[in-house]
Amino acid sequence: MALRKIGKLSQKSSVLFLCDMQEKFRNNIAHFPEIVSVAARMLQAAQVLDIPVVVTEQYPKGLGPTVPELGAQDLRKYSKTCFSMLTPQVEEALNAIPDLRSVLLCGIETQACIMSTSLDLLEKGLDVHIVADACSSRSQVDRLLAFARMKQSGAFLTTSEGAILQLARDAAHPRFKELQKIIKDPAADSGLLPFLRGPLLG
């Protein structure tokens, strides 16, 4: 019998994906400032833990650059027009990461680029961890059903704090005090509470 995937996260075998948090989406995506704030703390934690980060931009000529408050100014941006983040250039970057097993996924829109990316990564045999408080859409119906759809396909739903603590694993981690500062205050409320009685947890 095949061992059921349980979705354990490891600092040494994970990568963080930050999807399309761009200027033109600022006024259209529900809870956009909160989504960016939560994704920014995931980025801070990844930098503390030396976890590779992939940042994409959807047609930046028309949709603008990544918003500055994400804190990704010094990171390479992978431009795309397809919905999936898994472009040839991103695949090349992933192939250079030894022992890659898990992808943490943040960004927009949940039913489009997040779901397409998730399904492509799952098809490649990678564990996908959707940081639910760092993913949103214009429509909250689309957001909710996309979470349910990705869960049906085998993705794991988590929160930013849950993911960061899983990556650290131990309060004795040499950089835990830095992580503690990142999660000292609760993550910004990105509107998930109304979903918790529905298919998100079912």
N, C-alpha and C. Protein backbone atom coordinates (compact mmCIF):
# COMPACT_ATOMS: atom_id res chain seq x y z
N MET A 1 0.84 -1.19 0.00
CA MET A 1 0.00 0.00 0.00
C MET A 1 0.88 1.25 0.00
N ALA A 2 0.57 2.22 -0.89
CA ALA A 2 1.36 3.45 -0.97
C ALA A 2 1.17 4.28 0.29
N LEU A 3 2.25 4.88 0.75
CA LEU A 3 2.19 5.73 1.93
C LEU A 3 1.46 7.01 1.58
N ARG A 4 0.47 7.37 2.37
CA ARG A 4 -0.29 8.60 2.14
C ARG A 4 0.59 9.81 2.40
N LYS A 5 0.53 10.77 1.48
CA LYS A 5 1.28 12.00 1.69
C LYS A 5 0.70 12.74 2.89
N ILE A 6 1.59 13.20 3.76
CA ILE A 6 1.11 13.93 4.94
C ILE A 6 1.50 15.40 4.92
N GLY A 7 2.35 15.78 3.98
CA GLY A 7 2.62 17.20 3.80
C GLY A 7 3.52 17.84 4.82
N LYS A 8 4.49 17.10 5.34
CA LYS A 8 5.45 17.72 6.25
C LYS A 8 6.34 18.70 5.48
N LEU A 9 6.58 19.84 6.11
CA LEU A 9 7.44 20.85 5.50
C LEU A 9 8.84 20.77 6.07
N SER A 10 9.81 21.01 5.22
CA SER A 10 11.20 21.04 5.65
C SER A 10 11.87 22.26 5.05
N GLN A 11 12.64 22.94 5.86
CA GLN A 11 13.39 24.11 5.41
C GLN A 11 14.29 23.78 4.22
N LYS A 12 14.86 22.58 4.20
CA LYS A 12 15.86 22.23 3.20
C LYS A 12 15.28 21.72 1.89
N SER A 13 13.96 21.48 1.85
CA SER A 13 13.38 20.90 0.63
C SER A 13 12.18 21.70 0.13
N SER A 14 12.11 22.98 0.50
CA SER A 14 10.95 23.81 0.15
C SER A 14 11.35 25.02 -0.66
N VAL A 15 10.37 25.55 -1.40
CA VAL A 15 10.54 26.79 -2.13
C VAL A 15 9.26 27.60 -1.94
N LEU A 16 9.38 28.93 -1.91
CA LEU A 16 8.23 29.82 -1.78
C LEU A 16 7.91 30.44 -3.13
N PHE A 17 6.64 30.33 -3.56
CA PHE A 17 6.16 30.97 -4.79
C PHE A 17 5.30 32.18 -4.41
N LEU A 18 5.60 33.33 -5.01
CA LEU A 18 4.82 34.55 -4.81
C LEU A 18 4.26 34.96 -6.17
N CYS A 19 2.95 34.90 -6.30
CA CYS A 19 2.30 34.99 -7.61
C CYS A 19 1.59 36.32 -7.86
N ASP A 20 2.13 37.12 -8.76
CA ASP A 20 1.41 38.21 -9.45
C ASP A 20 0.79 39.26 -8.53
N MET A 21 1.49 39.67 -7.50
CA MET A 21 0.95 40.72 -6.62
C MET A 21 1.38 42.08 -7.18
N GLN A 22 0.62 42.55 -8.16
CA GLN A 22 0.99 43.69 -9.00
C GLN A 22 0.05 44.88 -8.82
N GLU A 23 0.55 46.04 -9.26
CA GLU A 23 -0.16 47.30 -9.03
C GLU A 23 -1.59 47.32 -9.57
N LYS A 24 -1.81 46.82 -10.78
CA LYS A 24 -3.14 46.93 -11.38
C LYS A 24 -4.19 46.08 -10.66
N PHE A 25 -3.74 45.14 -9.82
CA PHE A 25 -4.69 44.32 -9.07
C PHE A 25 -5.08 44.98 -7.74
N ARG A 26 -4.39 46.03 -7.37
CA ARG A 26 -4.54 46.62 -6.05
C ARG A 26 -6.00 46.94 -5.69
N ASN A 27 -6.75 47.48 -6.63
CA ASN A 27 -8.12 47.92 -6.33
C ASN A 27 -9.19 46.91 -6.72
N ASN A 28 -8.77 45.74 -7.21
CA ASN A 28 -9.74 44.75 -7.69
C ASN A 28 -9.80 43.48 -6.86
N ILE A 29 -8.73 43.15 -6.18
CA ILE A 29 -8.66 41.89 -5.43
C ILE A 29 -9.14 42.10 -4.00
N ALA A 30 -10.04 41.25 -3.55
CA ALA A 30 -10.55 41.34 -2.17
C ALA A 30 -9.40 41.18 -1.18
N HIS A 31 -9.36 42.06 -0.19
CA HIS A 31 -8.35 42.00 0.88
C HIS A 31 -6.93 42.11 0.35
N PHE A 32 -6.74 42.86 -0.72
CA PHE A 32 -5.41 42.94 -1.33
C PHE A 32 -4.31 43.38 -0.36
N PRO A 33 -4.52 44.46 0.43
CA PRO A 33 -3.43 44.87 1.34
C PRO A 33 -3.08 43.78 2.35
N GLU A 34 -4.09 43.07 2.83
CA GLU A 34 -3.85 42.01 3.81
C GLU A 34 -3.12 40.82 3.17
N ILE A 35 -3.51 40.48 1.96
CA ILE A 35 -2.86 39.38 1.24
C ILE A 35 -1.38 39.68 1.05
N VAL A 36 -1.08 40.89 0.62
CA VAL A 36 0.31 41.28 0.42
C VAL A 36 1.07 41.28 1.75
N SER A 37 0.42 41.76 2.80
CA SER A 37 1.06 41.79 4.13
C SER A 37 1.42 40.38 4.60
N VAL A 38 0.51 39.44 4.41
CA VAL A 38 0.77 38.06 4.84
C VAL A 38 1.85 37.43 3.96
N ALA A 39 1.77 37.68 2.65
CA ALA A 39 2.80 37.15 1.75
C ALA A 39 4.17 37.74 2.09
N ALA A 40 4.19 39.00 2.51
CA ALA A 40 5.46 39.64 2.87
C ALA A 40 6.09 38.96 4.08
N ARG A 41 5.25 38.52 5.02
CA ARG A 41 5.87 37.85 6.17
C ARG A 41 6.34 36.44 5.80
N MET A 42 5.68 35.81 4.83
CA MET A 42 6.20 34.55 4.31
C MET A 42 7.55 34.76 3.64
N LEU A 43 7.68 35.86 2.90
CA LEU A 43 8.95 36.18 2.25
C LEU A 43 10.04 36.45 3.29
N GLN A 44 9.70 37.19 4.33
CA GLN A 44 10.68 37.46 5.39
C GLN A 44 11.15 36.16 6.03
N ALA A 45 10.21 35.26 6.31
CA ALA A 45 10.58 33.98 6.92
C ALA A 45 11.45 33.16 5.98
N ALA A 46 11.11 33.16 4.69
CA ALA A 46 11.91 32.41 3.71
C ALA A 46 13.34 32.95 3.67
N GLN A 47 13.48 34.27 3.76
CA GLN A 47 14.82 34.85 3.74
C GLN A 47 15.61 34.51 4.99
N VAL A 48 14.93 34.48 6.13
CA VAL A 48 15.59 34.08 7.38
C VAL A 48 16.08 32.64 7.29
N LEU A 49 15.28 31.78 6.67
CA LEU A 49 15.57 30.35 6.61
C LEU A 49 16.34 29.94 5.35
N ASP A 50 16.70 30.91 4.53
CA ASP A 50 17.43 30.62 3.28
C ASP A 50 16.66 29.69 2.35
N ILE A 51 15.36 29.91 2.28
CA ILE A 51 14.49 29.14 1.37
C ILE A 51 14.40 29.89 0.04
N PRO A 52 14.61 29.21 -1.09
CA PRO A 52 14.50 29.88 -2.39
C PRO A 52 13.11 30.47 -2.60
N VAL A 53 13.07 31.58 -3.36
CA VAL A 53 11.81 32.29 -3.61
C VAL A 53 11.67 32.52 -5.11
N VAL A 54 10.47 32.26 -5.63
CA VAL A 54 10.14 32.53 -7.03
C VAL A 54 9.02 33.56 -7.06
N VAL A 55 9.25 34.66 -7.78
CA VAL A 55 8.25 35.74 -7.90
C VAL A 55 7.86 35.87 -9.37
N THR A 56 6.56 35.83 -9.66
CA THR A 56 6.11 36.03 -11.04
C THR A 56 5.28 37.29 -11.16
N GLU A 57 5.21 37.78 -12.41
CA GLU A 57 4.36 38.92 -12.77
C GLU A 57 3.59 38.56 -14.03
N GLN A 58 2.28 38.75 -13.98
CA GLN A 58 1.41 38.47 -15.12
C GLN A 58 1.40 39.69 -16.04
N TYR A 59 1.94 39.51 -17.25
CA TYR A 59 1.95 40.58 -18.26
C TYR A 59 2.25 41.95 -17.62
N PRO A 60 3.45 42.13 -17.09
CA PRO A 60 3.77 43.36 -16.36
C PRO A 60 3.63 44.64 -17.19
N LYS A 61 3.78 44.53 -18.52
CA LYS A 61 3.63 45.72 -19.36
C LYS A 61 2.24 46.33 -19.20
N GLY A 62 1.23 45.46 -19.02
CA GLY A 62 -0.13 45.96 -18.88
C GLY A 62 -0.61 46.03 -17.44
N LEU A 63 -0.10 45.13 -16.58
CA LEU A 63 -0.61 45.04 -15.22
C LEU A 63 0.33 45.64 -14.17
N GLY A 64 1.44 46.16 -14.63
CA GLY A 64 2.33 46.87 -13.72
C GLY A 64 3.27 45.97 -12.95
N PRO A 65 4.16 46.58 -12.17
CA PRO A 65 5.16 45.82 -11.42
C PRO A 65 4.59 45.25 -10.13
N THR A 66 5.37 44.38 -9.51
CA THR A 66 5.04 43.87 -8.18
C THR A 66 5.00 45.04 -7.20
N VAL A 67 4.01 45.04 -6.31
CA VAL A 67 3.85 46.16 -5.38
C VAL A 67 5.05 46.21 -4.41
N PRO A 68 5.52 47.39 -4.07
CA PRO A 68 6.73 47.51 -3.26
C PRO A 68 6.58 46.96 -1.85
N GLU A 69 5.35 47.01 -1.30
CA GLU A 69 5.19 46.57 0.09
C GLU A 69 5.39 45.06 0.27
N LEU A 70 5.44 44.31 -0.83
CA LEU A 70 5.77 42.89 -0.70
C LEU A 70 7.21 42.70 -0.23
N GLY A 71 8.07 43.66 -0.56
CA GLY A 71 9.47 43.56 -0.14
C GLY A 71 10.33 42.71 -1.05
N ALA A 72 9.89 42.55 -2.30
CA ALA A 72 10.61 41.66 -3.23
C ALA A 72 11.43 42.43 -4.26
N GLN A 73 11.76 43.68 -3.96
CA GLN A 73 12.45 44.54 -4.94
C GLN A 73 13.74 43.94 -5.45
N ASP A 74 14.46 43.23 -4.62
CA ASP A 74 15.78 42.71 -5.00
C ASP A 74 15.73 41.31 -5.62
N LEU A 75 14.52 40.77 -5.76
CA LEU A 75 14.38 39.42 -6.30
C LEU A 75 14.07 39.45 -7.79
N ARG A 76 14.53 38.44 -8.50
CA ARG A 76 14.21 38.31 -9.92
C ARG A 76 12.70 38.12 -10.09
N LYS A 77 12.13 38.76 -11.11
CA LYS A 77 10.73 38.59 -11.43
C LYS A 77 10.62 37.81 -12.74
N TYR A 78 9.82 36.74 -12.72
CA TYR A 78 9.60 35.94 -13.92
C TYR A 78 8.31 36.42 -14.58
N SER A 79 8.44 36.99 -15.77
CA SER A 79 7.28 37.48 -16.50
C SER A 79 6.56 36.32 -17.18
N LYS A 80 5.21 36.41 -17.24
CA LYS A 80 4.44 35.34 -17.86
C LYS A 80 3.15 35.89 -18.44
N THR A 81 2.55 35.12 -19.33
CA THR A 81 1.19 35.39 -19.79
C THR A 81 0.28 34.21 -19.49
N CYS A 82 0.86 33.02 -19.34
CA CYS A 82 0.05 31.85 -18.99
C CYS A 82 -0.38 31.97 -17.53
N PHE A 83 -1.40 31.22 -17.15
CA PHE A 83 -1.89 31.29 -15.77
C PHE A 83 -0.93 30.59 -14.81
N SER A 84 -0.35 29.49 -15.22
CA SER A 84 0.55 28.76 -14.33
C SER A 84 1.87 29.50 -14.17
N MET A 85 2.39 29.49 -12.94
CA MET A 85 3.72 30.04 -12.68
C MET A 85 4.82 29.14 -13.22
N LEU A 86 4.47 27.93 -13.60
CA LEU A 86 5.48 26.95 -13.98
C LEU A 86 5.90 27.15 -15.44
N THR A 87 6.50 28.30 -15.71
CA THR A 87 7.03 28.60 -17.04
C THR A 87 8.35 27.84 -17.23
N PRO A 88 8.86 27.75 -18.45
CA PRO A 88 10.15 27.08 -18.66
C PRO A 88 11.27 27.67 -17.81
N GLN A 89 11.27 29.00 -17.65
CA GLN A 89 12.31 29.64 -16.84
C GLN A 89 12.19 29.26 -15.37
N VAL A 90 10.96 29.19 -14.87
CA VAL A 90 10.75 28.79 -13.48
C VAL A 90 11.11 27.32 -13.30
N GLU A 91 10.72 26.48 -14.26
CA GLU A 91 11.10 25.06 -14.17
C GLU A 91 12.61 24.89 -14.13
N GLU A 92 13.31 25.70 -14.89
CA GLU A 92 14.77 25.64 -14.90
C GLU A 92 15.31 26.02 -13.51
N ALA A 93 14.71 27.04 -12.90
CA ALA A 93 15.14 27.44 -11.56
C ALA A 93 14.85 26.34 -10.54
N LEU A 94 13.71 25.67 -10.67
CA LEU A 94 13.36 24.59 -9.74
C LEU A 94 14.31 23.41 -9.89
N ASN A 95 14.72 23.12 -11.12
CA ASN A 95 15.63 22.00 -11.36
C ASN A 95 16.98 22.20 -10.69
N ALA A 96 17.30 23.46 -10.38
CA ALA A 96 18.58 23.75 -9.74
C ALA A 96 18.50 23.64 -8.21
N ILE A 97 17.31 23.36 -7.68
CA ILE A 97 17.15 23.24 -6.23
C ILE A 97 17.25 21.76 -5.84
N PRO A 98 18.29 21.37 -5.12
CA PRO A 98 18.43 19.94 -4.77
C PRO A 98 17.38 19.50 -3.77
N ASP A 99 16.90 18.28 -3.94
CA ASP A 99 15.97 17.65 -2.99
C ASP A 99 14.66 18.42 -2.81
N LEU A 100 14.23 19.15 -3.84
CA LEU A 100 12.98 19.90 -3.72
C LEU A 100 11.80 18.95 -3.56
N ARG A 101 10.97 19.21 -2.55
CA ARG A 101 9.81 18.37 -2.31
C ARG A 101 8.51 19.17 -2.16
N SER A 102 8.62 20.40 -1.64
CA SER A 102 7.42 21.16 -1.29
C SER A 102 7.46 22.57 -1.84
N VAL A 103 6.29 23.04 -2.31
CA VAL A 103 6.15 24.42 -2.76
C VAL A 103 5.08 25.10 -1.90
N LEU A 104 5.45 26.23 -1.34
CA LEU A 104 4.50 27.08 -0.61
C LEU A 104 4.01 28.15 -1.57
N LEU A 105 2.69 28.31 -1.67
CA LEU A 105 2.12 29.12 -2.74
C LEU A 105 1.28 30.26 -2.17
N CYS A 106 1.63 31.50 -2.55
CA CYS A 106 0.91 32.71 -2.13
C CYS A 106 0.60 33.55 -3.37
N GLY A 107 -0.50 34.33 -3.32
CA GLY A 107 -0.73 35.30 -4.38
C GLY A 107 -2.13 35.31 -4.93
N ILE A 108 -2.24 35.74 -6.19
CA ILE A 108 -3.55 35.96 -6.81
C ILE A 108 -3.50 35.51 -8.29
N GLU A 109 -4.64 35.25 -8.90
CA GLU A 109 -5.94 35.01 -8.27
C GLU A 109 -6.06 33.53 -7.96
N THR A 110 -6.78 33.21 -6.90
CA THR A 110 -6.82 31.84 -6.41
C THR A 110 -7.37 30.87 -7.45
N GLN A 111 -8.44 31.25 -8.16
CA GLN A 111 -9.07 30.34 -9.11
C GLN A 111 -8.35 30.29 -10.45
N ALA A 112 -7.39 31.17 -10.65
CA ALA A 112 -6.69 31.24 -11.93
C ALA A 112 -5.25 30.79 -11.77
N CYS A 113 -4.36 31.72 -11.48
CA CYS A 113 -2.93 31.41 -11.46
C CYS A 113 -2.54 30.51 -10.29
N ILE A 114 -3.16 30.69 -9.13
CA ILE A 114 -2.82 29.83 -7.99
C ILE A 114 -3.26 28.39 -8.27
N MET A 115 -4.48 28.22 -8.77
CA MET A 115 -4.95 26.85 -9.03
C MET A 115 -4.19 26.20 -10.19
N SER A 116 -3.95 26.93 -11.26
CA SER A 116 -3.20 26.36 -12.38
C SER A 116 -1.80 25.94 -11.96
N THR A 117 -1.16 26.79 -11.17
CA THR A 117 0.18 26.46 -10.67
C THR A 117 0.14 25.24 -9.76
N SER A 118 -0.85 25.22 -8.88
CA SER A 118 -0.98 24.10 -7.95
C SER A 118 -1.15 22.78 -8.69
N LEU A 119 -2.02 22.76 -9.67
CA LEU A 119 -2.26 21.51 -10.41
C LEU A 119 -1.03 21.06 -11.19
N ASP A 120 -0.31 22.02 -11.77
CA ASP A 120 0.91 21.67 -12.50
C ASP A 120 1.98 21.10 -11.56
N LEU A 121 2.10 21.70 -10.39
CA LEU A 121 3.10 21.21 -9.42
C LEU A 121 2.73 19.83 -8.88
N LEU A 122 1.44 19.64 -8.60
CA LEU A 122 0.98 18.33 -8.13
C LEU A 122 1.23 17.26 -9.18
N GLU A 123 1.00 17.61 -10.44
CA GLU A 123 1.22 16.67 -11.54
C GLU A 123 2.68 16.25 -11.62
N LYS A 124 3.58 17.13 -11.18
CA LYS A 124 5.00 16.81 -11.17
C LYS A 124 5.43 16.05 -9.92
N GLY A 125 4.47 15.77 -9.04
CA GLY A 125 4.78 14.97 -7.86
C GLY A 125 5.25 15.77 -6.65
N LEU A 126 5.15 17.09 -6.72
CA LEU A 126 5.56 17.92 -5.59
C LEU A 126 4.40 18.13 -4.63
N ASP A 127 4.72 18.27 -3.35
CA ASP A 127 3.72 18.67 -2.37
C ASP A 127 3.45 20.16 -2.55
N VAL A 128 2.17 20.54 -2.51
CA VAL A 128 1.79 21.94 -2.65
C VAL A 128 1.07 22.39 -1.38
N HIS A 129 1.57 23.46 -0.80
CA HIS A 129 1.00 24.03 0.42
C HIS A 129 0.45 25.41 0.07
N ILE A 130 -0.87 25.52 0.06
CA ILE A 130 -1.54 26.78 -0.24
C ILE A 130 -1.61 27.60 1.05
N VAL A 131 -0.94 28.75 1.08
CA VAL A 131 -1.00 29.63 2.25
C VAL A 131 -2.30 30.43 2.10
N ALA A 132 -3.37 29.90 2.69
CA ALA A 132 -4.71 30.40 2.40
C ALA A 132 -4.92 31.85 2.79
N ASP A 133 -4.26 32.30 3.85
CA ASP A 133 -4.42 33.70 4.25
C ASP A 133 -3.56 34.64 3.41
N ALA A 134 -2.85 34.09 2.42
CA ALA A 134 -2.06 34.90 1.49
C ALA A 134 -2.48 34.68 0.04
N CYS A 135 -3.73 34.22 -0.17
CA CYS A 135 -4.26 34.01 -1.52
C CYS A 135 -5.65 34.61 -1.60
N SER A 136 -5.95 35.32 -2.68
CA SER A 136 -7.30 35.88 -2.82
C SER A 136 -7.68 36.01 -4.29
N SER A 137 -8.90 36.53 -4.50
CA SER A 137 -9.47 36.70 -5.83
C SER A 137 -10.35 37.95 -5.83
N ARG A 138 -10.83 38.32 -6.99
CA ARG A 138 -11.84 39.38 -7.04
C ARG A 138 -13.13 38.88 -6.39
N SER A 139 -13.52 37.67 -6.73
CA SER A 139 -14.75 37.06 -6.20
C SER A 139 -14.41 36.10 -5.07
N GLN A 140 -15.10 36.24 -3.95
CA GLN A 140 -14.86 35.34 -2.83
C GLN A 140 -15.46 33.97 -3.07
N VAL A 141 -16.46 33.88 -3.94
CA VAL A 141 -16.98 32.56 -4.34
C VAL A 141 -15.89 31.81 -5.11
N ASP A 142 -15.26 32.49 -6.05
CA ASP A 142 -14.17 31.85 -6.80
C ASP A 142 -13.05 31.44 -5.85
N ARG A 143 -12.73 32.29 -4.90
CA ARG A 143 -11.65 31.99 -3.95
C ARG A 143 -11.97 30.73 -3.14
N LEU A 144 -13.17 30.68 -2.61
CA LEU A 144 -13.57 29.55 -1.77
C LEU A 144 -13.57 28.24 -2.56
N LEU A 145 -14.22 28.27 -3.73
CA LEU A 145 -14.30 27.03 -4.50
C LEU A 145 -12.93 26.59 -5.03
N ALA A 146 -12.06 27.54 -5.29
CA ALA A 146 -10.71 27.18 -5.71
C ALA A 146 -9.95 26.48 -4.58
N PHE A 147 -10.10 26.96 -3.36
CA PHE A 147 -9.48 26.26 -2.22
C PHE A 147 -9.99 24.82 -2.15
N ALA A 148 -11.31 24.66 -2.27
CA ALA A 148 -11.90 23.32 -2.19
C ALA A 148 -11.40 22.44 -3.33
N ARG A 149 -11.31 23.01 -4.53
CA ARG A 149 -10.87 22.26 -5.71
C ARG A 149 -9.41 21.80 -5.54
N MET A 150 -8.57 22.69 -5.06
CA MET A 150 -7.16 22.32 -4.89
C MET A 150 -7.00 21.27 -3.80
N LYS A 151 -7.80 21.38 -2.76
CA LYS A 151 -7.76 20.37 -1.70
C LYS A 151 -8.18 19.00 -2.25
N GLN A 152 -9.21 18.98 -3.10
CA GLN A 152 -9.65 17.73 -3.72
C GLN A 152 -8.53 17.08 -4.53
N SER A 153 -7.68 17.92 -5.12
CA SER A 153 -6.60 17.42 -5.98
C SER A 153 -5.35 17.03 -5.20
N GLY A 154 -5.34 17.31 -3.89
CA GLY A 154 -4.23 16.85 -3.07
C GLY A 154 -3.34 17.93 -2.51
N ALA A 155 -3.70 19.21 -2.72
CA ALA A 155 -2.92 20.29 -2.11
C ALA A 155 -3.27 20.40 -0.63
N PHE A 156 -2.34 20.93 0.14
CA PHE A 156 -2.56 21.14 1.57
C PHE A 156 -2.86 22.62 1.82
N LEU A 157 -3.91 22.87 2.61
CA LEU A 157 -4.26 24.24 2.99
C LEU A 157 -3.62 24.55 4.34
N THR A 158 -2.97 25.70 4.42
CA THR A 158 -2.33 26.09 5.67
C THR A 158 -2.45 27.60 5.84
N THR A 159 -1.88 28.11 6.92
CA THR A 159 -1.79 29.55 7.14
C THR A 159 -0.33 29.94 7.18
N SER A 160 -0.08 31.23 7.13
CA SER A 160 1.31 31.69 7.16
C SER A 160 2.00 31.27 8.45
N GLU A 161 1.35 31.47 9.58
CA GLU A 161 2.00 31.10 10.84
C GLU A 161 2.19 29.59 10.94
N GLY A 162 1.19 28.83 10.52
CA GLY A 162 1.33 27.38 10.54
C GLY A 162 2.49 26.92 9.70
N ALA A 163 2.64 27.51 8.51
CA ALA A 163 3.72 27.12 7.61
C ALA A 163 5.09 27.51 8.19
N ILE A 164 5.18 28.70 8.74
CA ILE A 164 6.47 29.16 9.29
C ILE A 164 6.90 28.28 10.45
N LEU A 165 5.96 27.93 11.32
CA LEU A 165 6.32 27.08 12.47
C LEU A 165 6.68 25.67 12.03
N GLN A 166 6.00 25.16 11.00
CA GLN A 166 6.37 23.85 10.48
C GLN A 166 7.78 23.86 9.90
N LEU A 167 8.13 24.93 9.23
CA LEU A 167 9.46 25.04 8.64
C LEU A 167 10.54 25.12 9.71
N ALA A 168 10.24 25.82 10.79
CA ALA A 168 11.21 25.94 11.89
C ALA A 168 11.34 24.64 12.66
N ARG A 169 10.20 23.99 12.92
CA ARG A 169 10.12 22.67 13.59
C ARG A 169 10.46 22.68 15.07
N ASP A 170 11.32 23.60 15.53
CA ASP A 170 11.83 23.50 16.89
C ASP A 170 12.14 24.91 17.40
N ALA A 171 11.69 25.21 18.63
CA ALA A 171 12.02 26.50 19.22
C ALA A 171 13.50 26.65 19.47
N ALA A 172 14.25 25.56 19.36
CA ALA A 172 15.70 25.61 19.50
C ALA A 172 16.39 25.91 18.17
N HIS A 173 15.61 26.10 17.10
CA HIS A 173 16.20 26.45 15.81
C HIS A 173 17.08 27.69 16.00
N PRO A 174 18.27 27.71 15.42
CA PRO A 174 19.19 28.83 15.66
C PRO A 174 18.66 30.20 15.24
N ARG A 175 17.65 30.23 14.38
CA ARG A 175 17.11 31.52 13.94
C ARG A 175 15.66 31.71 14.38
N PHE A 176 15.25 30.94 15.37
CA PHE A 176 13.85 31.00 15.80
C PHE A 176 13.47 32.38 16.34
N LYS A 177 14.38 33.05 17.01
CA LYS A 177 14.04 34.37 17.55
C LYS A 177 13.68 35.36 16.43
N GLU A 178 14.35 35.22 15.29
CA GLU A 178 14.01 36.08 14.14
C GLU A 178 12.63 35.73 13.59
N LEU A 179 12.33 34.45 13.53
CA LEU A 179 11.00 34.03 13.08
C LEU A 179 9.92 34.47 14.06
N GLN A 180 10.25 34.41 15.34
CA GLN A 180 9.31 34.80 16.38
C GLN A 180 8.90 36.27 16.21
N LYS A 181 9.84 37.10 15.81
CA LYS A 181 9.52 38.52 15.59
C LYS A 181 8.56 38.69 14.42
N ILE A 182 8.69 37.83 13.41
CA ILE A 182 7.82 37.91 12.24
C ILE A 182 6.39 37.53 12.59
N ILE A 183 6.22 36.51 13.45
CA ILE A 183 4.87 36.02 13.78
C ILE A 183 4.37 36.53 15.13
N LYS A 184 5.11 37.47 15.73
CA LYS A 184 4.72 37.98 17.05
C LYS A 184 3.28 38.50 17.04
N ASP A 185 2.94 39.29 16.03
CA ASP A 185 1.56 39.77 15.88
C ASP A 185 0.81 38.84 14.94
N PRO A 186 -0.48 38.60 15.20
CA PRO A 186 -1.26 37.75 14.29
C PRO A 186 -1.24 38.30 12.86
N ALA A 187 -1.34 37.41 11.90
CA ALA A 187 -1.38 37.83 10.50
C ALA A 187 -2.60 38.70 10.25
N ALA A 188 -2.49 39.58 9.28
CA ALA A 188 -3.61 40.43 8.89
C ALA A 188 -4.81 39.56 8.51
N ASP A 189 -6.00 40.00 8.85
CA ASP A 189 -7.23 39.26 8.56
C ASP A 189 -7.57 39.40 7.08
N SER A 190 -7.42 38.31 6.34
CA SER A 190 -7.70 38.35 4.90
C SER A 190 -9.05 37.74 4.55
N GLY A 191 -9.96 37.72 5.53
CA GLY A 191 -11.35 37.37 5.24
C GLY A 191 -11.66 35.90 5.15
N LEU A 192 -10.89 35.04 5.82
CA LEU A 192 -11.12 33.60 5.73
C LEU A 192 -12.20 33.08 6.67
N LEU A 193 -12.46 33.78 7.75
CA LEU A 193 -13.36 33.24 8.77
C LEU A 193 -14.72 32.80 8.24
N PRO A 194 -15.37 33.56 7.34
CA PRO A 194 -16.68 33.10 6.84
C PRO A 194 -16.62 31.76 6.10
N PHE A 195 -15.43 31.35 5.63
CA PHE A 195 -15.30 30.12 4.86
C PHE A 195 -15.23 28.87 5.76
N LEU A 196 -14.98 29.03 7.02
CA LEU A 196 -14.54 27.88 7.82
C LEU A 196 -15.64 26.86 8.11
N ARG A 197 -16.87 27.17 7.81
CA ARG A 197 -17.95 26.18 7.99
C ARG A 197 -18.29 25.50 6.68
N GLY A 198 -17.61 25.87 5.62
CA GLY A 198 -17.94 25.31 4.31
C GLY A 198 -16.92 24.31 3.84
N PRO A 199 -16.74 24.19 2.52
CA PRO A 199 -15.88 23.16 1.94
C PRO A 199 -14.41 23.37 2.21
N LEU A 200 -14.03 24.53 2.75
CA LEU A 200 -12.62 24.78 3.03
C LEU A 200 -12.08 23.74 4.01
N LEU A 201 -12.88 23.38 5.00
CA LEU A 201 -12.44 22.41 6.00
C LEU A 201 -13.14 21.05 5.85
N GLY A 202 -14.12 20.98 4.97
CA GLY A 202 -14.89 19.76 4.86
C GLY A 202 -14.13 18.62 4.19
